[in-house]
Amino acid sequence: MLTKTMLFIGLLLFHFNVMAQNSCAIKIGSNYFIDCKHLISYKGIDVLSLEKTPGDSITVNFDVYATNGQKVATVNKGKIVEGNKDLFEIMANDTAYTFIEKATSRIIVHIHKYTDPNSNKCVMDTWADMYMPTGFYFQCTPDTTNVNYLNWMRGNTIQGAGNAISLN
């Protein structure tokens, strides 16, 4: 039972339509990441990756792991394709994607897409609550993370990087 099991998000997948003339900025820890090949990686493993698809949608894939490294589920194109679908709830619409562990009501991933009223640009605020395969706990919101060095660099825009955030 997953009630006490903390989960790891490997690769996340959902779709949001993005206007072709504007790249959507991913906001994590008060920083904006645009067109980065690997958004978040841990020891060379993609934790959160976004890809553009035809029609300029954003696609995100993820695997869910227990703290012991056992894979619990695989999510592809926003749907659970491997693992027990009854353990999780997915809520998705044109502006938000939320992945919830039913037993604890814990929100593992939440992404909210909107147009920033000041810049008129697309932004995706990102929340994650996950463990890595080694037991390292990673938590982020649009404004902060639990990783000290990421909190030192605040308010930046990082564009086109190979790895936006590399947790090692």
Foldseek 3Di string as FASTA:
>chain_A
DCLPWFKAKFKFFEKAQFPPVAFAWEFKQQETEGAAQQAEAEPRTRRWGWDADPNRIITIWIWMATLQLHTAFTAGHLRTPDHDPVQWDWDDDNFKIWIAGVSNRDTAKIWGWDQDPVVRHIYIWIWHWGADNNRRTWTITSNRIPDVVSNVDHNYYHYHHNYNHYHD
